[in-house]
Amino acid sequence: MREFRLPGSAGLLMVLLAACNGGEGPLVRDGAGLFTEQQRQQLEVHHRFLLLDHDIDYRVVTTRGGNDIDLAALEHFEALSAGARSSRGRGLLLLFDGERQEVRLEVGYALEGTFPDAFVAYVEQRQMVPFFVENRISDGILASTELIVERAQRASENASWDDEIWLAGSGGAGASASTRTAPGFTTRPASSTHNPVSASARSPKDVVAAYLDAMRRRDNSPELDIYTPESRSMMREWLITPAQMDQVARTYAGCSREELRYSHSSDSAVIRYPIAQRQCAPWFLIRGDEGWQLDLTMQQKAIRFGRNNAWRFDFSSDHPYGFAFEDWVLDGNGFPIRSRDED
């Protein structure tokens, strides 16, 4: 659902890579040869940001065959001193065995309160495994890092576990998973017919509400009539995991004071949220023959997510929804920072 692209200059990227590959060794050890050099660097940079922002030393190791995955993960954790780069000894290690098709996320003692077994099992089974069965190892690790960042943020805010989907949805039966079994995962569940408002009568807010309801029900069918035809075509090529759908539903459950803005011709609309709600990206909609529909293709092109899952505009992508943001000021990376009324 979200694509990570880091803000900032090429100079910042090089500084981070240099820090990642300093005297303490790389954060990513690709013994199985699963990553391109670009993918390896991308993982390194994201994990460096995790260390800078949340003091979590996250290592990735890939192998081909060997010991029992649980034992091997512990051995790698100790051999690499995962957590040594953290000022509080907060270490994580992800081990993926490319031959046995198994994955384990090893959590250091200092992080057990932040990442309990139930969370780890949820990340592995509902986020990593769906990517891994499609042989998208790097993408699966990056998508899982997004969940790790979100959980670290909530832990730092002392947020309650009461509304955590992973607590109710995972039994916490261990911290390793197999891509062969992919428990509880289906690539394309049957589409729901739940549609309380007819297409012609739906408002833009009704459409967004219907989309979030689909995410809550883990309905990732691309054929729902709330999507534009172009969005449906794009979604047929997407991999949307249960964890991603859960995350969208939970994120927007915390978004408030949405504002609906129409174009001058009234054939397009934007639903946006206050600037301070950095994780609440806007929605783009078009009114066509089937009524109001989500324009996910343009959202995918125009909106990116950076550190701490905050959204921003991609300046390299032109889009016809600028009318809804003329009163906002953006920084050099495309992040909204204030309203012009505050000037």
C-alpha atoms as a PDB file:
ATOM      1  CA  MET A   1       0.000   0.000   0.000  1.00  0.00           C
ATOM      2  CA  ARG A   2       2.817   2.377   0.816  1.00  0.00           C
ATOM      3  CA  GLU A   3       6.109   2.827  -0.931  1.00  0.00           C
ATOM      4  CA  PHE A   4       9.091   4.074   1.043  1.00  0.00           C
ATOM      5  CA  ARG A   5      11.132   6.785  -0.622  1.00  0.00           C
ATOM      6  CA  LEU A   6      13.503   8.688   1.570  1.00  0.00           C
ATOM      7  CA  PRO A   7      13.464  12.481   1.601  1.00  0.00           C
ATOM      8  CA  GLY A   8      16.636  14.499   1.529  1.00  0.00           C
ATOM      9  CA  SER A   9      19.658  14.929  -0.643  1.00  0.00           C
ATOM     10  CA  ALA A  10      22.053  12.435  -2.166  1.00  0.00           C
ATOM     11  CA  GLY A  11      24.622  13.770   0.283  1.00  0.00           C
ATOM     12  CA  LEU A  12      22.518  12.642   3.248  1.00  0.00           C
ATOM     13  CA  LEU A  13      22.149   9.229   1.653  1.00  0.00           C
ATOM     14  CA  MET A  14      25.912   8.873   1.289  1.00  0.00           C
ATOM     15  CA  VAL A  15      26.503   9.971   4.890  1.00  0.00           C
ATOM     16  CA  LEU A  16      24.050   7.374   6.152  1.00  0.00           C
ATOM     17  CA  LEU A  17      25.564   4.639   4.018  1.00  0.00           C
ATOM     18  CA  ALA A  18      29.026   5.536   5.249  1.00  0.00           C
ATOM     19  CA  ALA A  19      27.776   5.333   8.832  1.00  0.00           C
ATOM     20  CA  CYS A  20      26.127   1.983   8.137  1.00  0.00           C
ATOM     21  CA  ASN A  21      29.313   0.528   6.697  1.00  0.00           C
ATOM     22  CA  GLY A  22      31.693   1.887   9.286  1.00  0.00           C
ATOM     23  CA  GLY A  23      33.982  -0.021  11.591  1.00  0.00           C
ATOM     24  CA  GLU A  24      31.097  -1.943  13.164  1.00  0.00           C
ATOM     25  CA  GLY A  25      30.274  -3.712   9.920  1.00  0.00           C
ATOM     26  CA  PRO A  26      27.176  -3.648   7.719  1.00  0.00           C
ATOM     27  CA  LEU A  27      23.632  -3.848   9.009  1.00  0.00           C
ATOM     28  CA  VAL A  28      22.687  -6.246   6.203  1.00  0.00           C
ATOM     29  CA  ARG A  29      24.625  -9.470   5.593  1.00  0.00           C
ATOM     30  CA  ASP A  30      23.277 -11.127   2.469  1.00  0.00           C
ATOM     31  CA  GLY A  31      24.940 -14.524   2.625  1.00  0.00           C
ATOM     32  CA  ALA A  32      22.278 -16.052   0.371  1.00  0.00           C
ATOM     33  CA  GLY A  33      22.771 -13.419  -2.337  1.00  0.00           C
ATOM     34  CA  LEU A  34      19.106 -12.428  -2.410  1.00  0.00           C
ATOM     35  CA  PHE A  35      19.473  -8.650  -2.777  1.00  0.00           C
ATOM     36  CA  THR A  36      20.755  -6.381  -5.490  1.00  0.00           C
ATOM     37  CA  GLU A  37      23.249  -3.782  -4.319  1.00  0.00           C
ATOM     38  CA  GLN A  38      20.544  -1.122  -4.536  1.00  0.00           C
ATOM     39  CA  GLN A  39      18.186  -3.199  -2.382  1.00  0.00           C
ATOM     40  CA  ARG A  40      20.894  -3.846   0.179  1.00  0.00           C
ATOM     41  CA  GLN A  41      21.695  -0.142   0.424  1.00  0.00           C
ATOM     42  CA  GLN A  42      18.024   0.728   0.725  1.00  0.00           C
ATOM     43  CA  LEU A  43      17.624  -1.678   3.637  1.00  0.00           C
ATOM     44  CA  GLU A  44      20.758  -0.303   5.277  1.00  0.00           C
ATOM     45  CA  VAL A  45      19.507   3.272   5.076  1.00  0.00           C
ATOM     46  CA  HIS A  46      16.074   2.474   6.503  1.00  0.00           C
ATOM     47  CA  HIS A  47      17.606   0.573   9.379  1.00  0.00           C
ATOM     48  CA  ARG A  48      20.046   3.414  10.006  1.00  0.00           C
ATOM     49  CA  PHE A  49      17.080   5.760  10.343  1.00  0.00           C
ATOM     50  CA  LEU A  50      15.495   3.292  12.761  1.00  0.00           C
ATOM     51  CA  LEU A  51      18.639   3.534  14.879  1.00  0.00           C
ATOM     52  CA  LEU A  52      18.741   7.325  14.706  1.00  0.00           C
ATOM     53  CA  ASP A  53      15.056   7.851  15.419  1.00  0.00           C
ATOM     54  CA  HIS A  54      14.277   5.021  17.849  1.00  0.00           C
ATOM     55  CA  ASP A  55      17.643   3.733  19.099  1.00  0.00           C
ATOM     56  CA  ILE A  56      16.966   0.279  17.634  1.00  0.00           C
ATOM     57  CA  ASP A  57      19.881  -1.656  16.170  1.00  0.00           C
ATOM     58  CA  TYR A  58      18.218  -3.822  13.494  1.00  0.00           C
ATOM     59  CA  ARG A  59      20.313  -6.370  11.599  1.00  0.00           C
ATOM     60  CA  VAL A  60      19.354  -8.527   8.614  1.00  0.00           C
ATOM     61  CA  VAL A  61      21.028 -11.819   7.743  1.00  0.00           C
ATOM     62  CA  THR A  62      20.212 -14.169   4.854  1.00  0.00           C
ATOM     63  CA  THR A  63      21.572 -17.718   4.618  1.00  0.00           C
ATOM     64  CA  ARG A  64      21.017 -20.900   2.641  1.00  0.00           C
ATOM     65  CA  GLY A  65      20.465 -23.924   4.836  1.00  0.00           C
ATOM     66  CA  GLY A  66      22.016 -24.596   8.200  1.00  0.00           C
ATOM     67  CA  ASN A  67      20.834 -25.070  11.740  1.00  0.00           C
ATOM     68  CA  ASP A  68      17.324 -24.890  13.106  1.00  0.00           C
ATOM     69  CA  ILE A  69      16.060 -21.362  12.369  1.00  0.00           C
ATOM     70  CA  ASP A  70      15.462 -20.498  16.022  1.00  0.00           C
ATOM     71  CA  LEU A  71      18.920 -21.605  17.099  1.00  0.00           C
ATOM     72  CA  ALA A  72      20.586 -20.019  14.077  1.00  0.00           C
ATOM     73  CA  ALA A  73      18.912 -16.648  14.739  1.00  0.00           C
ATOM     74  CA  LEU A  74      20.145 -16.652  18.318  1.00  0.00           C
ATOM     75  CA  GLU A  75      23.660 -17.554  17.194  1.00  0.00           C
ATOM     76  CA  HIS A  76      23.731 -14.727  14.627  1.00  0.00           C
ATOM     77  CA  PHE A  77      22.295 -12.294  17.175  1.00  0.00           C
ATOM     78  CA  GLU A  78      25.106 -13.036  19.598  1.00  0.00           C
ATOM     79  CA  ALA A  79      27.861 -13.238  16.974  1.00  0.00           C
ATOM     80  CA  LEU A  80      26.946  -9.853  15.499  1.00  0.00           C
ATOM     81  CA  SER A  81      26.293  -8.259  18.911  1.00  0.00           C
ATOM     82  CA  ALA A  82      22.921  -6.982  17.717  1.00  0.00           C
ATOM     83  CA  GLY A  83      22.049  -4.063  19.949  1.00  0.00           C
ATOM     84  CA  ALA A  84      25.642  -2.874  20.327  1.00  0.00           C
ATOM     85  CA  ARG A  85      24.973   0.241  18.259  1.00  0.00           C
ATOM     86  CA  SER A  86      22.030   1.178  20.457  1.00  0.00           C
ATOM     87  CA  SER A  87      22.714   3.292  23.516  1.00  0.00           C
ATOM     88  CA  ARG A  88      20.264   1.077  25.424  1.00  0.00           C
ATOM     89  CA  GLY A  89      21.200  -2.264  23.912  1.00  0.00           C
ATOM     90  CA  ARG A  90      17.976  -2.428  21.873  1.00  0.00           C
ATOM     91  CA  GLY A  91      18.663  -5.087  19.257  1.00  0.00           C
ATOM     92  CA  LEU A  92      16.646  -6.847  16.558  1.00  0.00           C
ATOM     93  CA  LEU A  93      17.815  -9.456  14.078  1.00  0.00           C
ATOM     94  CA  LEU A  94      15.923 -10.824  11.098  1.00  0.00           C
ATOM     95  CA  LEU A  95      17.181 -14.138   9.742  1.00  0.00           C
ATOM     96  CA  PHE A  96      15.866 -15.487   6.445  1.00  0.00           C
ATOM     97  CA  ASP A  97      16.890 -18.949   5.293  1.00  0.00           C
ATOM     98  CA  GLY A  98      16.523 -18.917   1.516  1.00  0.00           C
ATOM     99  CA  GLU A  99      16.889 -22.681   1.159  1.00  0.00           C
ATOM    100  CA  ARG A 100      14.506 -23.739   3.911  1.00  0.00           C
ATOM    101  CA  GLN A 101      12.148 -20.796   3.237  1.00  0.00           C
ATOM    102  CA  GLU A 102      11.950 -19.864   6.910  1.00  0.00           C
ATOM    103  CA  VAL A 103      12.147 -16.535   8.687  1.00  0.00           C
ATOM    104  CA  ARG A 104      12.679 -15.534  12.284  1.00  0.00           C
ATOM    105  CA  LEU A 105      12.721 -12.130  13.944  1.00  0.00           C
ATOM    106  CA  GLU A 106      14.915 -12.315  17.047  1.00  0.00           C
ATOM    107  CA  VAL A 107      14.166  -9.693  19.718  1.00  0.00           C
ATOM    108  CA  GLY A 108      16.751  -8.632  22.301  1.00  0.00           C
ATOM    109  CA  TYR A 109      15.902  -8.454  25.993  1.00  0.00           C
ATOM    110  CA  ALA A 110      15.745  -4.648  25.981  1.00  0.00           C
ATOM    111  CA  LEU A 111      12.966  -4.702  23.365  1.00  0.00           C
ATOM    112  CA  GLU A 112      10.797  -7.550  24.636  1.00  0.00           C
ATOM    113  CA  GLY A 113       8.352  -5.098  26.201  1.00  0.00           C
ATOM    114  CA  THR A 114       8.053  -3.185  22.920  1.00  0.00           C
ATOM    115  CA  PHE A 115       7.889  -6.161  20.572  1.00  0.00           C
ATOM    116  CA  PRO A 116       6.196  -9.086  22.376  1.00  0.00           C
ATOM    117  CA  ASP A 117       5.781 -12.502  20.765  1.00  0.00           C
ATOM    118  CA  ALA A 118       2.282 -11.713  19.535  1.00  0.00           C
ATOM    119  CA  PHE A 119       3.547  -8.680  17.599  1.00  0.00           C
ATOM    120  CA  VAL A 120       6.498 -10.593  16.155  1.00  0.00           C
ATOM    121  CA  ALA A 121       4.286 -13.473  15.008  1.00  0.00           C
ATOM    122  CA  TYR A 122       1.865 -10.995  13.427  1.00  0.00           C
ATOM    123  CA  VAL A 123       4.641  -9.189  11.517  1.00  0.00           C
ATOM    124  CA  GLU A 124       6.093 -12.439  10.241  1.00  0.00           C
ATOM    125  CA  GLN A 125       2.856 -14.133   9.254  1.00  0.00           C
ATOM    126  CA  ARG A 126       0.747 -11.187   8.098  1.00  0.00           C
ATOM    127  CA  GLN A 127       3.423  -8.998   6.509  1.00  0.00           C
ATOM    128  CA  MET A 128       6.701 -10.793   5.753  1.00  0.00           C
ATOM    129  CA  VAL A 129       5.430 -14.165   4.555  1.00  0.00           C
ATOM    130  CA  PRO A 130       2.988 -12.801   1.929  1.00  0.00           C
ATOM    131  CA  PHE A 131       5.887 -10.899   0.326  1.00  0.00           C
ATOM    132  CA  PHE A 132       8.325 -13.761   0.711  1.00  0.00           C
ATOM    133  CA  VAL A 133       6.071 -16.301  -1.014  1.00  0.00           C
ATOM    134  CA  GLU A 134       6.156 -13.927  -4.004  1.00  0.00           C
ATOM    135  CA  ASN A 135       9.978 -13.875  -3.766  1.00  0.00           C
ATOM    136  CA  ARG A 136       9.933 -10.180  -2.840  1.00  0.00           C
ATOM    137  CA  ILE A 137      12.291 -10.474   0.096  1.00  0.00           C
ATOM    138  CA  SER A 138      13.572  -6.898   0.183  1.00  0.00           C
ATOM    139  CA  ASP A 139      10.063  -5.449  -0.188  1.00  0.00           C
ATOM    140  CA  GLY A 140       8.813  -7.673   2.618  1.00  0.00           C
ATOM    141  CA  ILE A 141      11.560  -6.521   4.966  1.00  0.00           C
ATOM    142  CA  LEU A 142      10.905  -2.856   4.165  1.00  0.00           C
ATOM    143  CA  ALA A 143       7.167  -3.283   4.664  1.00  0.00           C
ATOM    144  CA  SER A 144       7.826  -4.969   7.994  1.00  0.00           C
ATOM    145  CA  THR A 145      10.120  -2.128   9.029  1.00  0.00           C
ATOM    146  CA  GLU A 146       7.134   0.192   8.586  1.00  0.00           C
ATOM    147  CA  LEU A 147       5.228  -1.815  11.204  1.00  0.00           C
ATOM    148  CA  ILE A 148       8.252  -1.865  13.499  1.00  0.00           C
ATOM    149  CA  VAL A 149       8.564   1.925  13.265  1.00  0.00           C
ATOM    150  CA  GLU A 150       4.859   2.380  14.021  1.00  0.00           C
ATOM    151  CA  ARG A 151       5.039   0.055  17.020  1.00  0.00           C
ATOM    152  CA  ALA A 152       8.167   1.849  18.315  1.00  0.00           C
ATOM    153  CA  GLN A 153       6.374   5.184  18.023  1.00  0.00           C
ATOM    154  CA  ARG A 154       3.371   3.939  19.963  1.00  0.00           C
ATOM    155  CA  ALA A 155       5.605   2.430  22.628  1.00  0.00           C
ATOM    156  CA  SER A 156       7.449   5.734  23.063  1.00  0.00           C
ATOM    157  CA  GLU A 157       4.071   7.434  23.536  1.00  0.00           C
ATOM    158  CA  ASN A 158       3.031   4.798  26.108  1.00  0.00           C
ATOM    159  CA  ALA A 159       0.021   4.013  23.927  1.00  0.00           C
ATOM    160  CA  SER A 160      -2.370   1.363  25.167  1.00  0.00           C
ATOM    161  CA  TRP A 161      -2.382  -2.102  23.603  1.00  0.00           C
ATOM    162  CA  ASP A 162      -6.172  -2.216  23.739  1.00  0.00           C
ATOM    163  CA  ASP A 163      -6.640  -1.360  20.046  1.00  0.00           C
ATOM    164  CA  GLU A 164      -3.634  -3.274  18.715  1.00  0.00           C
ATOM    165  CA  ILE A 165      -4.835  -5.655  16.015  1.00  0.00           C
ATOM    166  CA  TRP A 166      -1.823  -7.910  16.411  1.00  0.00           C
ATOM    167  CA  LEU A 167      -2.726  -8.556  20.056  1.00  0.00           C
ATOM    168  CA  ALA A 168      -6.149  -9.946  19.147  1.00  0.00           C
ATOM    169  CA  GLY A 169      -5.190 -11.506  15.842  1.00  0.00           C
ATOM    170  CA  SER A 170      -2.023 -13.427  16.712  1.00  0.00           C
ATOM    171  CA  GLY A 171      -1.661 -16.089  19.316  1.00  0.00           C
ATOM    172  CA  GLY A 172       1.983 -15.309  19.920  1.00  0.00           C
ATOM    173  CA  ALA A 173       2.840 -18.960  19.243  1.00  0.00           C
ATOM    174  CA  GLY A 174       6.504 -18.322  18.601  1.00  0.00           C
ATOM    175  CA  ALA A 175       8.592 -15.933  16.572  1.00  0.00           C
ATOM    176  CA  SER A 176       9.417 -17.870  13.441  1.00  0.00           C
ATOM    177  CA  ALA A 177       7.408 -18.641  10.328  1.00  0.00           C
ATOM    178  CA  SER A 178       7.637 -20.606   7.102  1.00  0.00           C
ATOM    179  CA  THR A 179       6.865 -19.175   3.690  1.00  0.00           C
ATOM    180  CA  ARG A 180       5.585 -22.612   2.703  1.00  0.00           C
ATOM    181  CA  THR A 181       2.683 -22.552   5.124  1.00  0.00           C
ATOM    182  CA  ALA A 182       1.830 -18.830   5.183  1.00  0.00           C
ATOM    183  CA  PRO A 183      -0.747 -19.384   7.952  1.00  0.00           C
ATOM    184  CA  GLY A 184      -3.991 -17.500   7.549  1.00  0.00           C
ATOM    185  CA  PHE A 185      -2.909 -15.825   4.321  1.00  0.00           C
ATOM    186  CA  THR A 186      -4.801 -15.757   1.054  1.00  0.00           C
ATOM    187  CA  THR A 187      -3.593 -13.746  -1.915  1.00  0.00           C
ATOM    188  CA  ARG A 188      -7.024 -12.556  -3.046  1.00  0.00           C
ATOM    189  CA  PRO A 189     -10.020 -13.152  -0.777  1.00  0.00           C
ATOM    190  CA  ALA A 190     -13.471 -13.146  -2.252  1.00  0.00           C
ATOM    191  CA  SER A 191     -14.914  -9.696  -2.761  1.00  0.00           C
ATOM    192  CA  SER A 192     -17.575  -8.567  -0.327  1.00  0.00           C
ATOM    193  CA  THR A 193     -20.921  -7.374  -1.563  1.00  0.00           C
ATOM    194  CA  HIS A 194     -21.299  -5.091   1.444  1.00  0.00           C
ATOM    195  CA  ASN A 195     -22.259  -1.746  -0.092  1.00  0.00           C
ATOM    196  CA  PRO A 196     -24.793   0.204   1.961  1.00  0.00           C
ATOM    197  CA  VAL A 197     -24.887   3.241  -0.335  1.00  0.00           C
ATOM    198  CA  SER A 198     -25.559   3.052  -4.076  1.00  0.00           C
ATOM    199  CA  ALA A 199     -22.779   4.325  -6.352  1.00  0.00           C
ATOM    200  CA  SER A 200     -24.789   7.243  -7.719  1.00  0.00           C
ATOM    201  CA  ALA A 201     -25.739   8.477  -4.241  1.00  0.00           C
ATOM    202  CA  ARG A 202     -22.299   8.197  -2.623  1.00  0.00           C
ATOM    203  CA  SER A 203     -20.465  11.301  -1.543  1.00  0.00           C
ATOM    204  CA  PRO A 204     -16.630  11.427  -1.480  1.00  0.00           C
ATOM    205  CA  LYS A 205     -16.748  10.803   2.277  1.00  0.00           C
ATOM    206  CA  ASP A 206     -18.986   7.766   1.710  1.00  0.00           C
ATOM    207  CA  VAL A 207     -16.401   6.358  -0.716  1.00  0.00           C
ATOM    208  CA  VAL A 208     -13.515   6.772   1.723  1.00  0.00           C
ATOM    209  CA  ALA A 209     -15.640   5.249   4.488  1.00  0.00           C
ATOM    210  CA  ALA A 210     -16.406   2.262   2.233  1.00  0.00           C
ATOM    211  CA  TYR A 211     -12.708   1.819   1.467  1.00  0.00           C
ATOM    212  CA  LEU A 212     -11.720   1.886   5.146  1.00  0.00           C
ATOM    213  CA  ASP A 213     -14.515  -0.575   5.897  1.00  0.00           C
ATOM    214  CA  ALA A 214     -13.077  -2.896   3.222  1.00  0.00           C
ATOM    215  CA  MET A 215      -9.661  -2.612   4.858  1.00  0.00           C
ATOM    216  CA  ARG A 216     -11.141  -3.466   8.264  1.00  0.00           C
ATOM    217  CA  ARG A 217     -12.702  -6.572   6.722  1.00  0.00           C
ATOM    218  CA  ARG A 218      -9.438  -7.394   4.888  1.00  0.00           C
ATOM    219  CA  ASP A 219     -11.187  -7.203   1.550  1.00  0.00           C
ATOM    220  CA  ASN A 220      -8.445  -6.394  -0.955  1.00  0.00           C
ATOM    221  CA  SER A 221     -10.525  -7.119  -4.059  1.00  0.00           C
ATOM    222  CA  PRO A 222      -9.641  -4.704  -6.884  1.00  0.00           C
ATOM    223  CA  GLU A 223     -13.118  -5.012  -8.369  1.00  0.00           C
ATOM    224  CA  LEU A 224     -15.008  -2.861  -5.869  1.00  0.00           C
ATOM    225  CA  ASP A 225     -16.838  -0.014  -7.575  1.00  0.00           C
ATOM    226  CA  ILE A 226     -15.308   2.551  -5.227  1.00  0.00           C
ATOM    227  CA  TYR A 227     -12.132   2.491  -7.379  1.00  0.00           C
ATOM    228  CA  THR A 228     -11.593   4.181 -10.728  1.00  0.00           C
ATOM    229  CA  PRO A 229     -11.028   1.775 -13.647  1.00  0.00           C
ATOM    230  CA  GLU A 230      -7.338   2.751 -13.673  1.00  0.00           C
ATOM    231  CA  SER A 231      -7.087   2.061  -9.949  1.00  0.00           C
ATOM    232  CA  ARG A 232      -8.641  -1.373 -10.421  1.00  0.00           C
ATOM    233  CA  SER A 233      -6.084  -2.240 -13.082  1.00  0.00           C
ATOM    234  CA  MET A 234      -3.255  -1.129 -10.813  1.00  0.00           C
ATOM    235  CA  MET A 235      -4.601  -3.016  -7.811  1.00  0.00           C
ATOM    236  CA  ARG A 236      -4.734  -6.270  -9.781  1.00  0.00           C
ATOM    237  CA  GLU A 237      -0.943  -6.075  -9.856  1.00  0.00           C
ATOM    238  CA  TRP A 238      -0.554  -5.127  -6.185  1.00  0.00           C
ATOM    239  CA  LEU A 239       0.305  -7.361  -3.295  1.00  0.00           C
ATOM    240  CA  ILE A 240      -1.767  -6.126  -0.349  1.00  0.00           C
ATOM    241  CA  THR A 241      -1.073  -8.050   2.848  1.00  0.00           C
ATOM    242  CA  PRO A 242      -3.427  -8.507   5.799  1.00  0.00           C
ATOM    243  CA  ALA A 243      -1.060  -6.430   7.933  1.00  0.00           C
ATOM    244  CA  GLN A 244      -1.133  -3.566   5.436  1.00  0.00           C
ATOM    245  CA  MET A 245      -4.924  -3.532   5.423  1.00  0.00           C
ATOM    246  CA  ASP A 246      -4.969  -3.625   9.214  1.00  0.00           C
ATOM    247  CA  GLN A 247      -2.505  -0.748   9.349  1.00  0.00           C
ATOM    248  CA  VAL A 248      -4.533   1.449   6.997  1.00  0.00           C
ATOM    249  CA  ALA A 249      -7.706   0.835   8.987  1.00  0.00           C
ATOM    250  CA  ARG A 250      -6.047   1.547  12.323  1.00  0.00           C
ATOM    251  CA  THR A 251      -4.155   4.607  11.094  1.00  0.00           C
ATOM    252  CA  TYR A 252      -7.254   6.318   9.740  1.00  0.00           C
ATOM    253  CA  ALA A 253      -9.284   5.388  12.789  1.00  0.00           C
ATOM    254  CA  GLY A 254      -7.050   7.890  14.561  1.00  0.00           C
ATOM    255  CA  CYS A 255      -7.463  10.601  11.913  1.00  0.00           C
ATOM    256  CA  SER A 256      -9.951  13.355  12.693  1.00  0.00           C
ATOM    257  CA  ARG A 257     -11.371  16.632  11.427  1.00  0.00           C
ATOM    258  CA  GLU A 258     -11.280  15.579   7.787  1.00  0.00           C
ATOM    259  CA  GLU A 259     -11.953  18.378   5.320  1.00  0.00           C
ATOM    260  CA  LEU A 260     -13.617  17.910   1.935  1.00  0.00           C
ATOM    261  CA  ARG A 261     -12.550  20.203  -0.921  1.00  0.00           C
ATOM    262  CA  TYR A 262     -13.951  20.218  -4.451  1.00  0.00           C
ATOM    263  CA  SER A 263     -12.332  21.405  -7.659  1.00  0.00           C
ATOM    264  CA  HIS A 264     -13.836  24.386  -9.485  1.00  0.00           C
ATOM    265  CA  SER A 265     -15.521  22.016 -11.931  1.00  0.00           C
ATOM    266  CA  SER A 266     -16.762  19.815  -9.053  1.00  0.00           C
ATOM    267  CA  ASP A 267     -15.628  16.663 -10.899  1.00  0.00           C
ATOM    268  CA  SER A 268     -12.744  15.939  -8.543  1.00  0.00           C
ATOM    269  CA  ALA A 269     -12.351  16.191  -4.797  1.00  0.00           C
ATOM    270  CA  VAL A 270      -9.824  15.791  -1.997  1.00  0.00           C
ATOM    271  CA  ILE A 271     -10.333  14.716   1.592  1.00  0.00           C
ATOM    272  CA  ARG A 272      -7.478  15.972   3.733  1.00  0.00           C
ATOM    273  CA  TYR A 273      -6.609  16.024   7.415  1.00  0.00           C
ATOM    274  CA  PRO A 274      -4.864  18.614   9.616  1.00  0.00           C
ATOM    275  CA  ILE A 275      -1.170  19.081   8.909  1.00  0.00           C
ATOM    276  CA  ALA A 276      -0.261  17.930  12.406  1.00  0.00           C
ATOM    277  CA  GLN A 277      -1.707  14.471  11.656  1.00  0.00           C
ATOM    278  CA  ARG A 278       1.379  13.440   9.711  1.00  0.00           C
ATOM    279  CA  GLN A 279       0.364   9.821   9.094  1.00  0.00           C
ATOM    280  CA  CYS A 280      -3.051  10.760   7.655  1.00  0.00           C
ATOM    281  CA  ALA A 281      -2.442  11.135   3.939  1.00  0.00           C
ATOM    282  CA  PRO A 282      -5.147  12.797   1.805  1.00  0.00           C
ATOM    283  CA  TRP A 283      -7.551  10.986  -0.502  1.00  0.00           C
ATOM    284  CA  PHE A 284      -8.009  11.849  -4.180  1.00  0.00           C
ATOM    285  CA  LEU A 285     -11.386  11.241  -5.817  1.00  0.00           C
ATOM    286  CA  ILE A 286     -12.967  11.599  -9.260  1.00  0.00           C
ATOM    287  CA  ARG A 287     -16.634  11.739 -10.203  1.00  0.00           C
ATOM    288  CA  GLY A 288     -17.376   9.612 -13.239  1.00  0.00           C
ATOM    289  CA  ASP A 289     -20.135   7.502 -14.735  1.00  0.00           C
ATOM    290  CA  GLU A 290     -20.187   5.291 -11.620  1.00  0.00           C
ATOM    291  CA  GLY A 291     -20.242   8.216  -9.214  1.00  0.00           C
ATOM    292  CA  TRP A 292     -17.409   9.212  -6.912  1.00  0.00           C
ATOM    293  CA  GLN A 293     -14.407   6.875  -6.936  1.00  0.00           C
ATOM    294  CA  LEU A 294     -10.945   6.749  -5.391  1.00  0.00           C
ATOM    295  CA  ASP A 295      -8.103   7.736  -7.696  1.00  0.00           C
ATOM    296  CA  LEU A 296      -5.469   5.466  -6.152  1.00  0.00           C
ATOM    297  CA  THR A 297      -3.237   5.625  -9.223  1.00  0.00           C
ATOM    298  CA  MET A 298      -2.578   9.319  -8.688  1.00  0.00           C
ATOM    299  CA  GLN A 299      -2.184   8.867  -4.937  1.00  0.00           C
ATOM    300  CA  GLN A 300       0.449   6.218  -5.617  1.00  0.00           C
ATOM    301  CA  LYS A 301       2.333   8.585  -7.933  1.00  0.00           C
ATOM    302  CA  ALA A 302       2.011  11.800  -5.950  1.00  0.00           C
ATOM    303  CA  ILE A 303       2.327  10.717  -2.296  1.00  0.00           C
ATOM    304  CA  ARG A 304       5.310   9.153  -0.580  1.00  0.00           C
ATOM    305  CA  PHE A 305       5.978   8.093   3.001  1.00  0.00           C
ATOM    306  CA  GLY A 306       9.240   8.923   4.716  1.00  0.00           C
ATOM    307  CA  ARG A 307      10.674   8.481   8.160  1.00  0.00           C
ATOM    308  CA  ASN A 308       8.182   7.671  10.904  1.00  0.00           C
ATOM    309  CA  ASN A 309       5.539   7.003   8.226  1.00  0.00           C
ATOM    310  CA  ALA A 310       4.872  10.713   7.648  1.00  0.00           C
ATOM    311  CA  TRP A 311       3.451  11.497   4.205  1.00  0.00           C
ATOM    312  CA  ARG A 312       4.738  14.015   1.690  1.00  0.00           C
ATOM    313  CA  PHE A 313       4.232  15.054  -1.930  1.00  0.00           C
ATOM    314  CA  ASP A 314       6.559  13.804  -4.638  1.00  0.00           C
ATOM    315  CA  PHE A 315       7.506  16.962  -6.541  1.00  0.00           C
ATOM    316  CA  SER A 316       8.498  14.908  -9.585  1.00  0.00           C
ATOM    317  CA  SER A 317       4.869  13.880 -10.116  1.00  0.00           C
ATOM    318  CA  ASP A 318       2.316  16.334 -11.446  1.00  0.00           C
ATOM    319  CA  HIS A 319      -1.243  15.820 -10.275  1.00  0.00           C
ATOM    320  CA  PRO A 320      -4.541  17.679 -10.763  1.00  0.00           C
ATOM    321  CA  TYR A 321      -5.367  17.902  -7.052  1.00  0.00           C
ATOM    322  CA  GLY A 322      -3.270  20.916  -6.149  1.00  0.00           C
ATOM    323  CA  PHE A 323      -6.416  23.012  -5.734  1.00  0.00           C
ATOM    324  CA  ALA A 324      -6.952  21.428  -2.322  1.00  0.00           C
ATOM    325  CA  PHE A 325      -3.542  22.473  -0.962  1.00  0.00           C
ATOM    326  CA  GLU A 326      -3.108  26.034  -2.185  1.00  0.00           C
ATOM    327  CA  ASP A 327      -3.385  27.304   1.398  1.00  0.00           C
ATOM    328  CA  TRP A 328      -0.596  25.027   2.674  1.00  0.00           C
ATOM    329  CA  VAL A 329       3.150  25.591   2.776  1.00  0.00           C
ATOM    330  CA  LEU A 330       5.394  22.648   1.842  1.00  0.00           C
ATOM    331  CA  ASP A 331       9.039  22.261   2.716  1.00  0.00           C
ATOM    332  CA  GLY A 332      11.751  21.371   0.214  1.00  0.00           C
ATOM    333  CA  ASN A 333      10.996  17.656   0.506  1.00  0.00           C
ATOM    334  CA  GLY A 334       7.241  17.983  -0.018  1.00  0.00           C
ATOM    335  CA  PHE A 335       6.136  17.697   3.614  1.00  0.00           C
ATOM    336  CA  PRO A 336       3.283  20.067   4.579  1.00  0.00           C
ATOM    337  CA  ILE A 337       4.523  22.240   7.431  1.00  0.00           C
ATOM    338  CA  ARG A 338       1.943  24.950   8.036  1.00  0.00           C
ATOM    339  CA  SER A 339      -1.054  26.815   6.664  1.00  0.00           C
ATOM    340  CA  ARG A 340      -0.520  30.106   4.838  1.00  0.00           C
ATOM    341  CA  ASP A 341      -2.999  31.612   7.278  1.00  0.00           C
ATOM    342  CA  GLU A 342      -0.302  31.203   9.950  1.00  0.00           C
ATOM    343  CA  ASP A 343       2.160  33.436   8.058  1.00  0.00           C
END
